[in-house]
C-alpha atoms as a PDB file:
ATOM      1  CA  MET A   1      79.438  93.585  96.307  1.00  0.00           C
ATOM      2  CA  ILE A   2      81.389  94.654  98.694  1.00  0.00           C
ATOM      3  CA  GLY A   3      81.773  98.016  98.283  1.00  0.00           C
ATOM      4  CA  GLU A   4      77.941  97.464  97.652  1.00  0.00           C
ATOM      5  CA  GLU A   5      77.764  96.925 101.049  1.00  0.00           C
ATOM      6  CA  GLY A   6      78.355  99.958 102.328  1.00  0.00           C
ATOM      7  CA  CYS A   7      81.279  99.504 103.507  1.00  0.00           C
ATOM      8  CA  ILE A   8      83.183 102.957 101.765  1.00  0.00           C
ATOM      9  CA  PRO A   9      82.011 104.954 104.286  1.00  0.00           C
ATOM     10  CA  ILE A  10      83.059 102.889 106.431  1.00  0.00           C
ATOM     11  CA  ILE A  11      86.927 102.311 105.726  1.00  0.00           C
ATOM     12  CA  LEU A  12      86.728 106.977 105.385  1.00  0.00           C
ATOM     13  CA  LEU A  13      85.710 106.561 108.841  1.00  0.00           C
ATOM     14  CA  SER A  14      88.946 103.662 109.833  1.00  0.00           C
ATOM     15  CA  MET A  15      91.022 106.409 108.542  1.00  0.00           C
ATOM     16  CA  LYS A  16      90.140 109.710 110.160  1.00  0.00           C
ATOM     17  CA  ALA A  17      89.702 107.694 113.692  1.00  0.00           C
ATOM     18  CA  HIS A  18      93.613 106.377 112.576  1.00  0.00           C
ATOM     19  CA  ALA A  19      95.064 108.734 110.772  1.00  0.00           C
ATOM     20  CA  THR A  20      98.537 108.170 112.004  1.00  0.00           C
ATOM     21  CA  ASN A  21      98.035 104.463 112.493  1.00  0.00           C
ATOM     22  CA  ALA A  22     100.112 103.323 108.919  1.00  0.00           C
ATOM     23  CA  ILE A  23      98.829 100.028 108.376  1.00  0.00           C
ATOM     24  CA  VAL A  24      95.028 101.259 109.115  1.00  0.00           C
ATOM     25  CA  GLN A  25      96.178 104.227 106.202  1.00  0.00           C
ATOM     26  CA  GLU A  26      98.092 101.106 103.909  1.00  0.00           C
ATOM     27  CA  LYS A  27      94.939  98.521 104.626  1.00  0.00           C
ATOM     28  CA  ALA A  28      92.345 101.274 103.701  1.00  0.00           C
ATOM     29  CA  CYS A  29      94.137 102.863 100.792  1.00  0.00           C
ATOM     30  CA  GLY A  30      94.051  99.326  99.835  1.00  0.00           C
ATOM     31  CA  SER A  31      90.691  98.312  99.857  1.00  0.00           C
ATOM     32  CA  LEU A  32      89.751 102.321  98.045  1.00  0.00           C
ATOM     33  CA  TRP A  33      92.108 101.032  95.363  1.00  0.00           C
ATOM     34  CA  ASN A  34      90.164  98.246  94.551  1.00  0.00           C
ATOM     35  CA  LEU A  35      87.107  99.448  95.423  1.00  0.00           C
ATOM     36  CA  SER A  36      87.267 102.459  92.851  1.00  0.00           C
ATOM     37  CA  ILE A  37      87.253 100.121  89.858  1.00  0.00           C
ATOM     38  CA  PRO A  38      83.627 100.520  89.217  1.00  0.00           C
ATOM     39  CA  ASP A  39      83.148 103.476  87.971  1.00  0.00           C
ATOM     40  CA  GLU A  40      79.813 103.607  90.455  1.00  0.00           C
ATOM     41  CA  HIS A  41      82.163 103.557  92.845  1.00  0.00           C
ATOM     42  CA  LYS A  42      84.994 106.216  91.736  1.00  0.00           C
ATOM     43  CA  ALA A  43      82.689 109.427  92.460  1.00  0.00           C
ATOM     44  CA  LEU A  44      81.389 107.785  95.557  1.00  0.00           C
ATOM     45  CA  ILE A  45      85.427 107.396  96.951  1.00  0.00           C
ATOM     46  CA  GLY A  46      85.836 110.249  95.596  1.00  0.00           C
ATOM     47  CA  ASN A  47      83.949 112.630  97.468  1.00  0.00           C
ATOM     48  CA  ASP A  48      85.347 112.276 101.425  1.00  0.00           C
ATOM     49  CA  GLY A  49      88.533 110.106  99.884  1.00  0.00           C
ATOM     50  CA  VAL A  50      90.958 112.051  97.978  1.00  0.00           C
ATOM     51  CA  ALA A  51      91.010 114.070 100.691  1.00  0.00           C
ATOM     52  CA  LEU A  52      91.765 111.817 102.924  1.00  0.00           C
ATOM     53  CA  ILE A  53      93.876 109.889 100.942  1.00  0.00           C
ATOM     54  CA  LEU A  54      96.523 113.122 100.106  1.00  0.00           C
ATOM     55  CA  LYS A  55      96.157 113.494 104.066  1.00  0.00           C
ATOM     56  CA  CYS A  56      97.472 109.657 104.808  1.00  0.00           C
ATOM     57  CA  MET A  57     100.050 110.639 101.890  1.00  0.00           C
ATOM     58  CA  LYS A  58     101.292 113.800 103.803  1.00  0.00           C
ATOM     59  CA  ILE A  59     101.414 111.806 106.990  1.00  0.00           C
ATOM     60  CA  HIS A  60     102.988 108.864 106.359  1.00  0.00           C
ATOM     61  CA  SER A  61     105.053 109.919 103.331  1.00  0.00           C
ATOM     62  CA  ASN A  62     108.550 107.724 104.744  1.00  0.00           C
ATOM     63  CA  VAL A  63     106.274 105.125 104.446  1.00  0.00           C
ATOM     64  CA  ALA A  64     106.767 103.094 100.709  1.00  0.00           C
ATOM     65  CA  ILE A  65     104.181 100.624 101.130  1.00  0.00           C
ATOM     66  CA  VAL A  66     101.532 103.997 102.248  1.00  0.00           C
ATOM     67  CA  GLN A  67     102.702 105.666  98.795  1.00  0.00           C
ATOM     68  CA  GLU A  68     101.714 103.030  96.665  1.00  0.00           C
ATOM     69  CA  THR A  69      98.351 101.622  98.109  1.00  0.00           C
ATOM     70  CA  ALA A  70      97.731 105.534  97.790  1.00  0.00           C
ATOM     71  CA  CYS A  71      98.565 106.148  94.098  1.00  0.00           C
ATOM     72  CA  GLY A  72      97.390 103.261  93.328  1.00  0.00           C
ATOM     73  CA  ALA A  73      93.700 104.322  94.990  1.00  0.00           C
ATOM     74  CA  LEU A  74      94.114 108.104  93.529  1.00  0.00           C
ATOM     75  CA  SER A  75      95.185 106.751  90.026  1.00  0.00           C
ATOM     76  CA  ASN A  76      92.239 105.033  89.829  1.00  0.00           C
ATOM     77  CA  LEU A  77      89.768 107.543  91.567  1.00  0.00           C
ATOM     78  CA  ALA A  78      91.757 110.363  88.546  1.00  0.00           C
ATOM     79  CA  LEU A  79      89.689 108.307  86.062  1.00  0.00           C
ATOM     80  CA  HIS A  80      86.667 110.001  87.369  1.00  0.00           C
ATOM     81  CA  ALA A  81      86.182 113.922  85.632  1.00  0.00           C
ATOM     82  CA  ASP A  82      85.198 115.182  89.004  1.00  0.00           C
ATOM     83  CA  ASN A  83      88.522 113.228  91.028  1.00  0.00           C
ATOM     84  CA  LYS A  84      90.996 114.611  88.414  1.00  0.00           C
ATOM     85  CA  LEU A  85      89.844 117.978  88.766  1.00  0.00           C
ATOM     86  CA  LYS A  86      89.826 117.281  93.366  1.00  0.00           C
ATOM     87  CA  ILE A  87      92.866 115.983  93.010  1.00  0.00           C
ATOM     88  CA  GLY A  88      94.923 118.128  91.329  1.00  0.00           C
ATOM     89  CA  ARG A  89      93.145 121.845  93.004  1.00  0.00           C
ATOM     90  CA  GLU A  90      94.440 119.287  96.559  1.00  0.00           C
ATOM     91  CA  GLY A  91      97.948 119.120  96.185  1.00  0.00           C
ATOM     92  CA  GLY A  92      97.802 115.482  95.133  1.00  0.00           C
ATOM     93  CA  VAL A  93     100.406 115.840  92.262  1.00  0.00           C
ATOM     94  CA  THR A  94     102.762 117.510  94.618  1.00  0.00           C
ATOM     95  CA  LEU A  95     102.329 114.712  96.933  1.00  0.00           C
ATOM     96  CA  ILE A  96     102.951 112.362  94.597  1.00  0.00           C
ATOM     97  CA  ILE A  97     105.748 113.708  92.805  1.00  0.00           C
ATOM     98  CA  GLU A  98     107.248 113.530  96.608  1.00  0.00           C
ATOM     99  CA  ALA A  99     106.183 110.100  96.835  1.00  0.00           C
ATOM    100  CA  MET A 100     108.093 109.314  93.665  1.00  0.00           C
ATOM    101  CA  ARG A 101     111.353 110.764  95.368  1.00  0.00           C
ATOM    102  CA  HIS A 102     111.125 109.740  98.686  1.00  0.00           C
ATOM    103  CA  HIS A 103     110.626 106.705  97.633  1.00  0.00           C
ATOM    104  CA  SER A 104     112.922 106.367  94.415  1.00  0.00           C
ATOM    105  CA  THR A 105     114.729 102.788  94.933  1.00  0.00           C
ATOM    106  CA  VAL A 106     111.336 101.478  95.990  1.00  0.00           C
ATOM    107  CA  ALA A 107     109.409 100.320  91.936  1.00  0.00           C
ATOM    108  CA  ASP A 108     106.483 100.136  93.500  1.00  0.00           C
ATOM    109  CA  VAL A 109     105.983 102.918  94.349  1.00  0.00           C
ATOM    110  CA  LEU A 110     106.912 104.202  91.256  1.00  0.00           C
ATOM    111  CA  VAL A 111     104.813 102.493  89.110  1.00  0.00           C
ATOM    112  CA  GLN A 112     102.131 103.241  91.274  1.00  0.00           C
ATOM    113  CA  ALA A 113     102.606 107.125  90.969  1.00  0.00           C
ATOM    114  CA  CYS A 114     103.643 106.874  87.602  1.00  0.00           C
ATOM    115  CA  SER A 115     100.079 106.545  86.461  1.00  0.00           C
ATOM    116  CA  ALA A 116      98.253 107.906  88.845  1.00  0.00           C
ATOM    117  CA  LEU A 117     100.388 111.003  86.753  1.00  0.00           C
ATOM    118  CA  SER A 118      99.528 109.421  84.041  1.00  0.00           C
ATOM    119  CA  ASN A 119      95.593 109.758  84.580  1.00  0.00           C
ATOM    120  CA  LEU A 120      96.127 112.994  86.173  1.00  0.00           C
ATOM    121  CA  SER A 121      97.999 114.759  83.209  1.00  0.00           C
ATOM    122  CA  PHE A 122      95.076 114.224  80.700  1.00  0.00           C
ATOM    123  CA  ASN A 123      93.272 117.369  82.970  1.00  0.00           C
ATOM    124  CA  SER A 124      95.421 120.418  81.213  1.00  0.00           C
ATOM    125  CA  ASP A 125      95.911 122.035  84.423  1.00  0.00           C
ATOM    126  CA  ASN A 126      96.591 118.571  86.081  1.00  0.00           C
ATOM    127  CA  LYS A 127      99.793 118.471  83.099  1.00  0.00           C
ATOM    128  CA  LYS A 128     100.669 121.856  84.087  1.00  0.00           C
ATOM    129  CA  LEU A 129     101.805 120.825  87.328  1.00  0.00           C
ATOM    130  CA  VAL A 130     103.333 117.385  86.080  1.00  0.00           C
ATOM    131  CA  VAL A 131     105.374 119.682  83.821  1.00  0.00           C
END
């Protein structure tokens, strides 16, 4: 119901407008993580959301909670074929692996990162990047 109220574009606009604010990025990625559960939302979020999530991972690479929520969102989005390709092509696998290295003692980051890599590796091109 929340996704049907048009909040997804607003969340994405908030991510663009406040790219350097870690709290906004954490909450936005967390919202997208939850909103990306229904299949019909995966494509909608993936259109612009993949690039924004990856951008926030780059900007806030040192913030574990941002990495966790971003990886959680990517994990769900990667269950959609087009998103899976987009995440791989736009450097998502590398960013997820970097998050794992940088936050190797933070179990919540590792859980979501492993989940994302698992979902992404169902694509043969992505699998090559993961291995």
